[in-house]
């Protein structure tokens, strides 16, 4: 039978066509089956991806709704805060207006105070001039007292040479000497009082000067170490030490005396050696020579109204 089939495949065209059609159909069926299987697999894969995508879209939609709700909540809170801020700004505006009114009143008060201070300054200058004249008068009185003393000594010599004149002049001499002694006592008392007041004035001025120009509050006192050292103006600060001298009329000797006191201070109080020494001379009168010397020595020279040299700290 196989031989017949082979024979027909060689010679029978119709048989060959039927066989070819049959084979083609089987191949196509198999191909369709394979293609269907592939399509089904692809469709299943696509369906899984589609379902996942739908689920992600649902999740994103839910997230969007949650975020939108949070944003709305925040917006409501922001609106509440804006209202509160507007209320605070309104209160601040009212406060600023009140402060402006107060500042205007303070400005008027300051102008009045400045006028009063100007009047006080003029009065102080007049007092300073009067004090200078008093000081000159004291110097003249001291010269007169010195002349009186010389006259008394000459009288004493004359009395020794003339025994008889002693008896006649003794009473007058006693009276004269008593008057001179009383006058000297009054002058010394006045000078002591004036010197004490001048020292206190100098200490108060230094406290005022440092607080006004440098914003530093100091307690300025008089330093006394018995039989060792006396300083009229003294104050200690964490960065520096103030050492000052008070004189009615300032000479070169006063500046040298101040420098000697600074040297002694460093010796008896070694802790001051590591700090800057701020030297000050407070006096009623300064010569040009003294002022130049103070500049060279970096010493602050002032009479409380005029600064002859610069204060350096």
C-alpha atoms as a PDB file:
ATOM      1  CA  UNK A   1       0.000   0.000   0.000  1.00  0.00           C
ATOM      2  CA  UNK A   2       2.919   2.204   0.702  1.00  0.00           C
ATOM      3  CA  UNK A   3       4.118   1.617  -2.795  1.00  0.00           C
ATOM      4  CA  UNK A   4       0.765   2.800  -4.178  1.00  0.00           C
ATOM      5  CA  UNK A   5       0.929   5.949  -2.162  1.00  0.00           C
ATOM      6  CA  UNK A   6       4.414   6.611  -3.362  1.00  0.00           C
ATOM      7  CA  UNK A   7       3.429   5.983  -6.902  1.00  0.00           C
ATOM      8  CA  UNK A   8       0.532   8.377  -6.646  1.00  0.00           C
ATOM      9  CA  UNK A   9       2.770  11.014  -5.065  1.00  0.00           C
ATOM     10  CA  UNK A  10       5.038  10.680  -8.101  1.00  0.00           C
ATOM     11  CA  UNK A  11       2.432  10.637 -10.853  1.00  0.00           C
ATOM     12  CA  UNK A  12      -1.022  11.623  -9.617  1.00  0.00           C
ATOM     13  CA  UNK A  13      -1.241  15.445  -9.505  1.00  0.00           C
ATOM     14  CA  UNK A  14      -4.680  15.501  -8.000  1.00  0.00           C
ATOM     15  CA  UNK A  15      -3.590  13.188  -5.189  1.00  0.00           C
ATOM     16  CA  UNK A  16      -0.577  15.344  -4.597  1.00  0.00           C
ATOM     17  CA  UNK A  17      -2.818  18.446  -4.335  1.00  0.00           C
ATOM     18  CA  UNK A  18      -5.148  16.746  -1.863  1.00  0.00           C
ATOM     19  CA  UNK A  19      -2.219  15.615   0.238  1.00  0.00           C
ATOM     20  CA  UNK A  20      -0.747  19.134   0.131  1.00  0.00           C
ATOM     21  CA  UNK A  21      -4.056  20.705   1.140  1.00  0.00           C
ATOM     22  CA  UNK A  22      -4.436  18.223   3.971  1.00  0.00           C
ATOM     23  CA  UNK A  23      -0.920  18.929   5.213  1.00  0.00           C
ATOM     24  CA  UNK A  24      -1.453  22.697   4.902  1.00  0.00           C
ATOM     25  CA  UNK A  25      -4.647  22.498   6.913  1.00  0.00           C
ATOM     26  CA  UNK A  26      -2.908  20.510   9.678  1.00  0.00           C
ATOM     27  CA  UNK A  27      -0.027  22.981   9.760  1.00  0.00           C
ATOM     28  CA  UNK A  28      -2.429  25.898   9.877  1.00  0.00           C
ATOM     29  CA  UNK A  29      -4.429  24.254  12.634  1.00  0.00           C
ATOM     30  CA  UNK A  30      -1.302  23.687  14.658  1.00  0.00           C
ATOM     31  CA  UNK A  31      -0.152  27.257  14.008  1.00  0.00           C
ATOM     32  CA  UNK A  32      -3.531  28.603  15.038  1.00  0.00           C
ATOM     33  CA  UNK A  33      -3.411  26.535  18.187  1.00  0.00           C
ATOM     34  CA  UNK A  34       0.078  27.861  19.007  1.00  0.00           C
ATOM     35  CA  UNK A  35      -0.954  31.399  18.155  1.00  0.00           C
ATOM     36  CA  UNK A  36      -4.074  31.090  20.283  1.00  0.00           C
ATOM     37  CA  UNK A  37      -1.995  29.812  23.180  1.00  0.00           C
ATOM     38  CA  UNK A  38       0.448  32.720  22.838  1.00  0.00           C
ATOM     39  CA  UNK A  39      -2.406  35.229  22.556  1.00  0.00           C
ATOM     40  CA  UNK A  40      -4.070  33.794  25.627  1.00  0.00           C
ATOM     41  CA  UNK A  41      -0.847  33.981  27.570  1.00  0.00           C
ATOM     42  CA  UNK A  42      -0.246  37.579  26.430  1.00  0.00           C
ATOM     43  CA  UNK A  43      -3.838  38.523  27.219  1.00  0.00           C
ATOM     44  CA  UNK A  44      -3.561  36.973  30.670  1.00  0.00           C
ATOM     45  CA  UNK A  45      -0.331  38.927  31.273  1.00  0.00           C
ATOM     46  CA  UNK A  46      -1.922  42.118  29.965  1.00  0.00           C
ATOM     47  CA  UNK A  47      -4.993  41.543  32.125  1.00  0.00           C
ATOM     48  CA  UNK A  48      -2.789  41.150  35.209  1.00  0.00           C
ATOM     49  CA  UNK A  49      -0.935  44.364  34.388  1.00  0.00           C
ATOM     50  CA  UNK A  50      -4.225  46.136  33.686  1.00  0.00           C
ATOM     51  CA  UNK A  51      -5.645  45.022  37.047  1.00  0.00           C
ATOM     52  CA  UNK A  52      -2.477  46.185  38.806  1.00  0.00           C
ATOM     53  CA  UNK A  53      -2.676  49.518  36.988  1.00  0.00           C
ATOM     54  CA  UNK A  54      -6.313  49.924  38.008  1.00  0.00           C
ATOM     55  CA  UNK A  55      -5.371  49.158  41.605  1.00  0.00           C
ATOM     56  CA  UNK A  56      -2.512  51.716  41.497  1.00  0.00           C
ATOM     57  CA  UNK A  57      -4.908  54.306  40.043  1.00  0.00           C
ATOM     58  CA  UNK A  58      -7.325  53.606  42.902  1.00  0.00           C
ATOM     59  CA  UNK A  59      -4.498  53.986  45.415  1.00  0.00           C
ATOM     60  CA  UNK A  60      -3.315  57.203  43.770  1.00  0.00           C
ATOM     61  CA  UNK A  61      -6.846  58.558  43.789  1.00  0.00           C
ATOM     62  CA  UNK A  62      -7.173  57.731  47.483  1.00  0.00           C
ATOM     63  CA  UNK A  63      -3.771  59.348  48.188  1.00  0.00           C
ATOM     64  CA  UNK A  64      -4.800  62.409  46.229  1.00  0.00           C
ATOM     65  CA  UNK A  65      -8.017  62.672  48.216  1.00  0.00           C
ATOM     66  CA  UNK A  66      -6.095  62.300  51.500  1.00  0.00           C
ATOM     67  CA  UNK A  67      -3.529  64.911  50.457  1.00  0.00           C
ATOM     68  CA  UNK A  68      -6.261  67.226  49.258  1.00  0.00           C
ATOM     69  CA  UNK A  69      -7.998  66.937  52.644  1.00  0.00           C
ATOM     70  CA  UNK A  70      -4.714  67.669  54.469  1.00  0.00           C
ATOM     71  CA  UNK A  71      -4.123  70.706  52.241  1.00  0.00           C
ATOM     72  CA  UNK A  72      -7.632  71.979  52.929  1.00  0.00           C
ATOM     73  CA  UNK A  73      -7.097  71.486  56.660  1.00  0.00           C
ATOM     74  CA  UNK A  74      -3.800  73.379  56.462  1.00  0.00           C
ATOM     75  CA  UNK A  75      -5.428  76.166  54.460  1.00  0.00           C
ATOM     76  CA  UNK A  76      -8.077  76.524  57.152  1.00  0.00           C
ATOM     77  CA  UNK A  77      -5.356  76.728  59.823  1.00  0.00           C
ATOM     78  CA  UNK A  78      -3.408  79.258  57.732  1.00  0.00           C
ATOM     79  CA  UNK A  79      -6.548  81.383  57.362  1.00  0.00           C
ATOM     80  CA  UNK A  80      -7.020  81.292  61.149  1.00  0.00           C
ATOM     81  CA  UNK A  81      -3.370  82.283  61.659  1.00  0.00           C
ATOM     82  CA  UNK A  82      -3.724  85.102  59.113  1.00  0.00           C
ATOM     83  CA  UNK A  83      -6.708  86.460  61.036  1.00  0.00           C
ATOM     84  CA  UNK A  84      -4.718  86.295  64.274  1.00  0.00           C
ATOM     85  CA  UNK A  85      -1.751  87.998  62.603  1.00  0.00           C
ATOM     86  CA  UNK A  86      -3.998  90.753  61.280  1.00  0.00           C
ATOM     87  CA  UNK A  87      -5.308  91.301  64.811  1.00  0.00           C
ATOM     88  CA  UNK A  88      -1.728  91.408  66.165  1.00  0.00           C
ATOM     89  CA  UNK A  89      -0.672  93.845  63.430  1.00  0.00           C
ATOM     90  CA  UNK A  90      -3.598  96.095  64.337  1.00  0.00           C
ATOM     91  CA  UNK A  91      -2.544  95.978  68.007  1.00  0.00           C
ATOM     92  CA  UNK A  92       1.067  96.692  67.019  1.00  0.00           C
ATOM     93  CA  UNK A  93      -0.080  99.649  64.941  1.00  0.00           C
ATOM     94  CA  UNK A  94      -1.929 101.082  67.926  1.00  0.00           C
ATOM     95  CA  UNK A  95       1.114 100.445  70.166  1.00  0.00           C
ATOM     96  CA  UNK A  96       3.417 102.147  67.647  1.00  0.00           C
ATOM     97  CA  UNK A  97       1.133 105.178  67.528  1.00  0.00           C
ATOM     98  CA  UNK A  98       1.204 105.371  71.330  1.00  0.00           C
ATOM     99  CA  UNK A  99       4.982 104.997  71.313  1.00  0.00           C
ATOM    100  CA  UNK A 100       5.253 107.749  68.703  1.00  0.00           C
ATOM    101  CA  UNK A 101       3.204 110.068  70.900  1.00  0.00           C
ATOM    102  CA  UNK A 102       5.356 109.190  73.915  1.00  0.00           C
ATOM    103  CA  UNK A 103       8.528 109.746  71.844  1.00  0.00           C
ATOM    104  CA  UNK A 104       7.275 113.169  70.798  1.00  0.00           C
ATOM    105  CA  UNK A 105       6.638 114.063  74.428  1.00  0.00           C
ATOM    106  CA  UNK A 106      10.093 112.729  75.384  1.00  0.00           C
ATOM    107  CA  UNK A 107      11.668 114.802  72.613  1.00  0.00           C
ATOM    108  CA  UNK A 108      10.035 117.943  73.949  1.00  0.00           C
ATOM    109  CA  UNK A 109      11.210 117.070  77.463  1.00  0.00           C
ATOM    110  CA  UNK A 110      14.759 116.467  76.184  1.00  0.00           C
ATOM    111  CA  UNK A 111      14.812 119.867  74.458  1.00  0.00           C
ATOM    112  CA  UNK A 112      13.753 121.512  77.720  1.00  0.00           C
ATOM    113  CA  UNK A 113      16.419 119.541  79.612  1.00  0.00           C
ATOM    114  CA  UNK A 114      19.053 120.588  77.088  1.00  0.00           C
ATOM    115  CA  UNK A 115      18.109 124.213  77.641  1.00  0.00           C
ATOM    116  CA  UNK A 116      18.375 123.726  81.403  1.00  0.00           C
ATOM    117  CA  UNK A 117      21.733 121.960  81.045  1.00  0.00           C
ATOM    118  CA  UNK A 118      23.008 124.832  78.890  1.00  0.00           C
ATOM    119  CA  UNK A 119      22.006 127.270  81.634  1.00  0.00           C
ATOM    120  CA  UNK A 120      23.679 125.070  84.243  1.00  0.00           C
ATOM    121  CA  UNK A 121      26.824 124.909  82.122  1.00  0.00           C
ATOM    122  CA  UNK A 122      26.980 128.691  81.974  1.00  0.00           C
ATOM    123  CA  UNK A 123      26.465 128.888  85.735  1.00  0.00           C
ATOM    124  CA  UNK A 124      29.186 126.291  86.322  1.00  0.00           C
ATOM    125  CA  UNK A 125      31.579 128.202  84.075  1.00  0.00           C
ATOM    126  CA  UNK A 126      30.917 131.362  86.089  1.00  0.00           C
ATOM    127  CA  UNK A 127      31.510 129.401  89.303  1.00  0.00           C
ATOM    128  CA  UNK A 128      34.713 128.013  87.826  1.00  0.00           C
ATOM    129  CA  UNK A 129      35.928 131.505  87.034  1.00  0.00           C
ATOM    130  CA  UNK A 130      35.078 132.629  90.581  1.00  0.00           C
ATOM    131  CA  UNK A 131      36.898 129.585  91.996  1.00  0.00           C
ATOM    132  CA  UNK A 132      39.966 130.419  89.909  1.00  0.00           C
ATOM    133  CA  UNK A 133      39.900 133.960  91.243  1.00  0.00           C
ATOM    134  CA  UNK A 134      39.552 132.578  94.798  1.00  0.00           C
ATOM    135  CA  UNK A 135      42.510 130.303  94.199  1.00  0.00           C
ATOM    136  CA  UNK A 136      44.606 133.228  92.995  1.00  0.00           C
ATOM    137  CA  UNK A 137      43.520 135.181  96.072  1.00  0.00           C
ATOM    138  CA  UNK A 138      44.603 132.306  98.318  1.00  0.00           C
ATOM    139  CA  UNK A 139      48.015 132.253  96.639  1.00  0.00           C
ATOM    140  CA  UNK A 140      48.345 135.986  97.232  1.00  0.00           C
ATOM    141  CA  UNK A 141      47.280 135.514 100.865  1.00  0.00           C
ATOM    142  CA  UNK A 142      49.936 132.837 101.263  1.00  0.00           C
ATOM    143  CA  UNK A 143      52.523 135.257  99.882  1.00  0.00           C
ATOM    144  CA  UNK A 144      51.331 137.936 102.301  1.00  0.00           C
ATOM    145  CA  UNK A 145      51.485 135.474 105.199  1.00  0.00           C
ATOM    146  CA  UNK A 146      55.034 134.607 104.190  1.00  0.00           C
ATOM    147  CA  UNK A 147      55.908 138.309 104.221  1.00  0.00           C
ATOM    148  CA  UNK A 148      54.259 138.642 107.624  1.00  0.00           C
ATOM    149  CA  UNK A 149      56.353 135.757 108.896  1.00  0.00           C
ATOM    150  CA  UNK A 150      59.525 137.451 107.642  1.00  0.00           C
ATOM    151  CA  UNK A 151      58.435 140.699 109.305  1.00  0.00           C
ATOM    152  CA  UNK A 152      57.819 138.836 112.555  1.00  0.00           C
ATOM    153  CA  UNK A 153      61.310 137.309 112.378  1.00  0.00           C
ATOM    154  CA  UNK A 154      62.834 140.761 111.865  1.00  0.00           C
ATOM    155  CA  UNK A 155      60.808 142.019 114.811  1.00  0.00           C
ATOM    156  CA  UNK A 156      62.113 139.130 116.868  1.00  0.00           C
ATOM    157  CA  UNK A 157      65.705 140.049 116.015  1.00  0.00           C
ATOM    158  CA  UNK A 158      65.063 143.686 116.849  1.00  0.00           C
ATOM    159  CA  UNK A 159      63.464 142.659 120.130  1.00  0.00           C
ATOM    160  CA  UNK A 160      66.533 140.634 121.021  1.00  0.00           C
ATOM    161  CA  UNK A 161      68.771 143.654 120.370  1.00  0.00           C
ATOM    162  CA  UNK A 162      66.589 146.006 122.342  1.00  0.00           C
ATOM    163  CA  UNK A 163      65.610 144.658 125.743  1.00  0.00           C
ATOM    164  CA  UNK A 164      63.652 147.727 126.647  1.00  0.00           C
ATOM    165  CA  UNK A 165      61.613 147.534 123.396  1.00  0.00           C
ATOM    166  CA  UNK A 166      60.649 143.975 124.282  1.00  0.00           C
ATOM    167  CA  UNK A 167      58.501 145.071 127.169  1.00  0.00           C
ATOM    168  CA  UNK A 168      56.753 147.733 125.116  1.00  0.00           C
ATOM    169  CA  UNK A 169      56.295 145.589 122.013  1.00  0.00           C
ATOM    170  CA  UNK A 170      55.561 142.254 123.716  1.00  0.00           C
ATOM    171  CA  UNK A 171      51.834 142.833 124.040  1.00  0.00           C
ATOM    172  CA  UNK A 172      51.520 144.162 120.506  1.00  0.00           C
ATOM    173  CA  UNK A 173      53.596 141.290 119.160  1.00  0.00           C
ATOM    174  CA  UNK A 174      51.431 138.735 120.953  1.00  0.00           C
ATOM    175  CA  UNK A 175      48.314 140.300 119.515  1.00  0.00           C
ATOM    176  CA  UNK A 176      49.794 140.435 116.028  1.00  0.00           C
ATOM    177  CA  UNK A 177      51.049 136.857 116.198  1.00  0.00           C
ATOM    178  CA  UNK A 178      47.731 135.620 117.553  1.00  0.00           C
ATOM    179  CA  UNK A 179      45.899 137.313 114.689  1.00  0.00           C
ATOM    180  CA  UNK A 180      48.285 135.866 112.121  1.00  0.00           C
ATOM    181  CA  UNK A 181      47.976 132.430 113.673  1.00  0.00           C
ATOM    182  CA  UNK A 182      44.198 132.663 113.559  1.00  0.00           C
ATOM    183  CA  UNK A 183      44.340 133.835 109.944  1.00  0.00           C
ATOM    184  CA  UNK A 184      46.673 130.975 109.034  1.00  0.00           C
ATOM    185  CA  UNK A 185      44.371 128.501 110.771  1.00  0.00           C
ATOM    186  CA  UNK A 186      41.381 129.796 108.835  1.00  0.00           C
ATOM    187  CA  UNK A 187      43.270 129.644 105.547  1.00  0.00           C
ATOM    188  CA  UNK A 188      44.455 126.094 106.230  1.00  0.00           C
ATOM    189  CA  UNK A 189      40.921 125.056 107.136  1.00  0.00           C
ATOM    190  CA  UNK A 190      39.587 126.638 103.946  1.00  0.00           C
ATOM    191  CA  UNK A 191      42.274 124.976 101.830  1.00  0.00           C
ATOM    192  CA  UNK A 192      41.616 121.586 103.451  1.00  0.00           C
ATOM    193  CA  UNK A 193      37.875 121.910 102.824  1.00  0.00           C
ATOM    194  CA  UNK A 194      38.446 123.083  99.280  1.00  0.00           C
ATOM    195  CA  UNK A 195      40.907 120.245  98.606  1.00  0.00           C
ATOM    196  CA  UNK A 196      38.490 117.649 100.024  1.00  0.00           C
ATOM    197  CA  UNK A 197      35.629 119.011  97.921  1.00  0.00           C
ATOM    198  CA  UNK A 198      37.846 119.066  94.830  1.00  0.00           C
ATOM    199  CA  UNK A 199      38.835 115.421  95.352  1.00  0.00           C
ATOM    200  CA  UNK A 200      35.198 114.368  95.710  1.00  0.00           C
ATOM    201  CA  UNK A 201      34.312 116.381  92.624  1.00  0.00           C
ATOM    202  CA  UNK A 202      37.134 114.665  90.701  1.00  0.00           C
ATOM    203  CA  UNK A 203      35.955 111.180  91.688  1.00  0.00           C
ATOM    204  CA  UNK A 204      32.351 111.952  90.721  1.00  0.00           C
ATOM    205  CA  UNK A 205      33.498 113.362  87.377  1.00  0.00           C
ATOM    206  CA  UNK A 206      35.523 110.227  86.548  1.00  0.00           C
ATOM    207  CA  UNK A 207      32.524 107.995  87.344  1.00  0.00           C
ATOM    208  CA  UNK A 208      30.303 110.184  85.143  1.00  0.00           C
ATOM    209  CA  UNK A 209      32.853 110.328  82.312  1.00  0.00           C
ATOM    210  CA  UNK A 210      33.362 106.553  82.052  1.00  0.00           C
ATOM    211  CA  UNK A 211      29.633 105.815  82.192  1.00  0.00           C
ATOM    212  CA  UNK A 212      28.760 108.526  79.655  1.00  0.00           C
ATOM    213  CA  UNK A 213      31.506 107.879  77.058  1.00  0.00           C
ATOM    214  CA  UNK A 214      32.269 104.169  77.579  1.00  0.00           C
ATOM    215  CA  UNK A 215      29.135 102.798  79.254  1.00  0.00           C
ATOM    216  CA  UNK A 216      31.244 101.526  82.176  1.00  0.00           C
ATOM    217  CA  UNK A 217      29.950 101.958  85.713  1.00  0.00           C
ATOM    218  CA  UNK A 218      32.761 102.413  88.224  1.00  0.00           C
ATOM    219  CA  UNK A 219      33.030 102.949  91.965  1.00  0.00           C
ATOM    220  CA  UNK A 220      35.788 105.515  92.249  1.00  0.00           C
ATOM    221  CA  UNK A 221      37.272 105.884  95.738  1.00  0.00           C
ATOM    222  CA  UNK A 222      40.361 107.182  97.541  1.00  0.00           C
ATOM    223  CA  UNK A 223      43.052 104.544  98.130  1.00  0.00           C
ATOM    224  CA  UNK A 224      45.061 104.828 101.339  1.00  0.00           C
ATOM    225  CA  UNK A 225      47.723 102.377 102.447  1.00  0.00           C
ATOM    226  CA  UNK A 226      49.062 103.679 105.764  1.00  0.00           C
ATOM    227  CA  UNK A 227      52.599 105.048 105.626  1.00  0.00           C
ATOM    228  CA  UNK A 228      52.950 103.691 102.064  1.00  0.00           C
ATOM    229  CA  UNK A 229      50.595 105.228  99.513  1.00  0.00           C
ATOM    230  CA  UNK A 230      47.729 107.717  99.073  1.00  0.00           C
ATOM    231  CA  UNK A 231      45.850 107.990  95.765  1.00  0.00           C
ATOM    232  CA  UNK A 232      43.087 110.604  95.350  1.00  0.00           C
ATOM    233  CA  UNK A 233      41.236 108.858  92.482  1.00  0.00           C
ATOM    234  CA  UNK A 234      41.297 105.065  92.351  1.00  0.00           C
ATOM    235  CA  UNK A 235      39.162 102.352  90.728  1.00  0.00           C
ATOM    236  CA  UNK A 236      39.736  98.796  89.580  1.00  0.00           C
ATOM    237  CA  UNK A 237      38.121  97.173  86.539  1.00  0.00           C
ATOM    238  CA  UNK A 238      38.572  93.756  84.996  1.00  0.00           C
ATOM    239  CA  UNK A 239      40.619  95.274  82.130  1.00  0.00           C
ATOM    240  CA  UNK A 240      42.257  98.322  83.701  1.00  0.00           C
ATOM    241  CA  UNK A 241      43.072 100.298  86.864  1.00  0.00           C
ATOM    242  CA  UNK A 242      42.393 104.027  87.236  1.00  0.00           C
ATOM    243  CA  UNK A 243      45.012 106.037  89.167  1.00  0.00           C
ATOM    244  CA  UNK A 244      44.432 109.780  89.504  1.00  0.00           C
ATOM    245  CA  UNK A 245      45.779 112.823  91.313  1.00  0.00           C
ATOM    246  CA  UNK A 246      43.810 115.956  92.321  1.00  0.00           C
ATOM    247  CA  UNK A 247      45.575 119.336  92.476  1.00  0.00           C
ATOM    248  CA  UNK A 248      44.451 122.956  92.601  1.00  0.00           C
ATOM    249  CA  UNK A 249      47.208 124.063  90.255  1.00  0.00           C
ATOM    250  CA  UNK A 250      49.003 121.335  88.340  1.00  0.00           C
ATOM    251  CA  UNK A 251      52.744 121.478  87.725  1.00  0.00           C
ATOM    252  CA  UNK A 252      55.293 119.069  86.255  1.00  0.00           C
ATOM    253  CA  UNK A 253      56.051 117.900  89.802  1.00  0.00           C
ATOM    254  CA  UNK A 254      52.430 116.692  90.161  1.00  0.00           C
ATOM    255  CA  UNK A 255      52.791 114.547  87.035  1.00  0.00           C
ATOM    256  CA  UNK A 256      56.042 113.060  88.303  1.00  0.00           C
ATOM    257  CA  UNK A 257      54.453 112.414  91.691  1.00  0.00           C
ATOM    258  CA  UNK A 258      51.594 110.546  89.946  1.00  0.00           C
ATOM    259  CA  UNK A 259      54.078 108.343  88.060  1.00  0.00           C
ATOM    260  CA  UNK A 260      55.887 107.529  91.328  1.00  0.00           C
ATOM    261  CA  UNK A 261      52.584 106.519  92.933  1.00  0.00           C
ATOM    262  CA  UNK A 262      51.824 104.199  89.990  1.00  0.00           C
ATOM    263  CA  UNK A 263      55.220 102.515  90.455  1.00  0.00           C
ATOM    264  CA  UNK A 264      54.550 102.099  94.188  1.00  0.00           C
ATOM    265  CA  UNK A 265      51.041 100.735  93.470  1.00  0.00           C
ATOM    266  CA  UNK A 266      52.423  97.995  91.220  1.00  0.00           C
ATOM    267  CA  UNK A 267      54.884  97.062  93.956  1.00  0.00           C
ATOM    268  CA  UNK A 268      52.392  96.882  96.847  1.00  0.00           C
ATOM    269  CA  UNK A 269      49.539  95.470  94.715  1.00  0.00           C
ATOM    270  CA  UNK A 270      51.206  93.118  92.186  1.00  0.00           C
ATOM    271  CA  UNK A 271      47.832  92.108  90.693  1.00  0.00           C
ATOM    272  CA  UNK A 272      47.602  95.556  89.081  1.00  0.00           C
ATOM    273  CA  UNK A 273      50.797  94.968  87.067  1.00  0.00           C
ATOM    274  CA  UNK A 274      48.923  92.790  84.560  1.00  0.00           C
ATOM    275  CA  UNK A 275      46.276  95.466  83.896  1.00  0.00           C
ATOM    276  CA  UNK A 276      46.430  98.689  81.915  1.00  0.00           C
ATOM    277  CA  UNK A 277      46.961 101.773  84.079  1.00  0.00           C
ATOM    278  CA  UNK A 278      44.695 104.721  83.139  1.00  0.00           C
ATOM    279  CA  UNK A 279      46.412 107.861  84.503  1.00  0.00           C
ATOM    280  CA  UNK A 280      44.290 110.926  85.345  1.00  0.00           C
ATOM    281  CA  UNK A 281      45.069 114.397  86.704  1.00  0.00           C
ATOM    282  CA  UNK A 282      42.118 116.514  87.837  1.00  0.00           C
ATOM    283  CA  UNK A 283      42.981 120.145  88.609  1.00  0.00           C
ATOM    284  CA  UNK A 284      41.788 123.706  88.375  1.00  0.00           C
ATOM    285  CA  UNK A 285      44.714 125.098  86.420  1.00  0.00           C
ATOM    286  CA  UNK A 286      47.080 123.609  83.804  1.00  0.00           C
ATOM    287  CA  UNK A 287      50.028 125.311  82.150  1.00  0.00           C
ATOM    288  CA  UNK A 288      50.779 124.650  78.476  1.00  0.00           C
ATOM    289  CA  UNK A 289      53.968 122.868  79.534  1.00  0.00           C
ATOM    290  CA  UNK A 290      52.004 120.490  81.801  1.00  0.00           C
ATOM    291  CA  UNK A 291      49.440 119.791  79.068  1.00  0.00           C
ATOM    292  CA  UNK A 292      52.177 118.844  76.580  1.00  0.00           C
ATOM    293  CA  UNK A 293      53.855 116.679  79.216  1.00  0.00           C
ATOM    294  CA  UNK A 294      50.539 114.905  79.943  1.00  0.00           C
ATOM    295  CA  UNK A 295      50.080 114.225  76.211  1.00  0.00           C
ATOM    296  CA  UNK A 296      53.545 112.646  76.058  1.00  0.00           C
ATOM    297  CA  UNK A 297      52.770 110.513  79.133  1.00  0.00           C
ATOM    298  CA  UNK A 298      49.229 109.553  77.855  1.00  0.00           C
ATOM    299  CA  UNK A 299      47.699 111.119  80.975  1.00  0.00           C
ATOM    300  CA  UNK A 300      44.072 112.308  80.881  1.00  0.00           C
ATOM    301  CA  UNK A 301      44.136 115.955  82.069  1.00  0.00           C
ATOM    302  CA  UNK A 302      40.852 117.740  82.854  1.00  0.00           C
ATOM    303  CA  UNK A 303      39.272 120.279  85.153  1.00  0.00           C
ATOM    304  CA  UNK A 304      35.795 118.753  84.874  1.00  0.00           C
ATOM    305  CA  UNK A 305      34.673 121.236  82.238  1.00  0.00           C
ATOM    306  CA  UNK A 306      37.479 121.089  79.715  1.00  0.00           C
ATOM    307  CA  UNK A 307      39.523 118.086  78.610  1.00  0.00           C
ATOM    308  CA  UNK A 308      43.106 119.117  77.872  1.00  0.00           C
ATOM    309  CA  UNK A 309      44.152 115.648  76.715  1.00  0.00           C
ATOM    310  CA  UNK A 310      42.333 112.596  75.367  1.00  0.00           C
ATOM    311  CA  UNK A 311      41.089 109.762  77.582  1.00  0.00           C
ATOM    312  CA  UNK A 312      42.394 106.410  76.299  1.00  0.00           C
ATOM    313  CA  UNK A 313      41.390 103.058  77.782  1.00  0.00           C
END
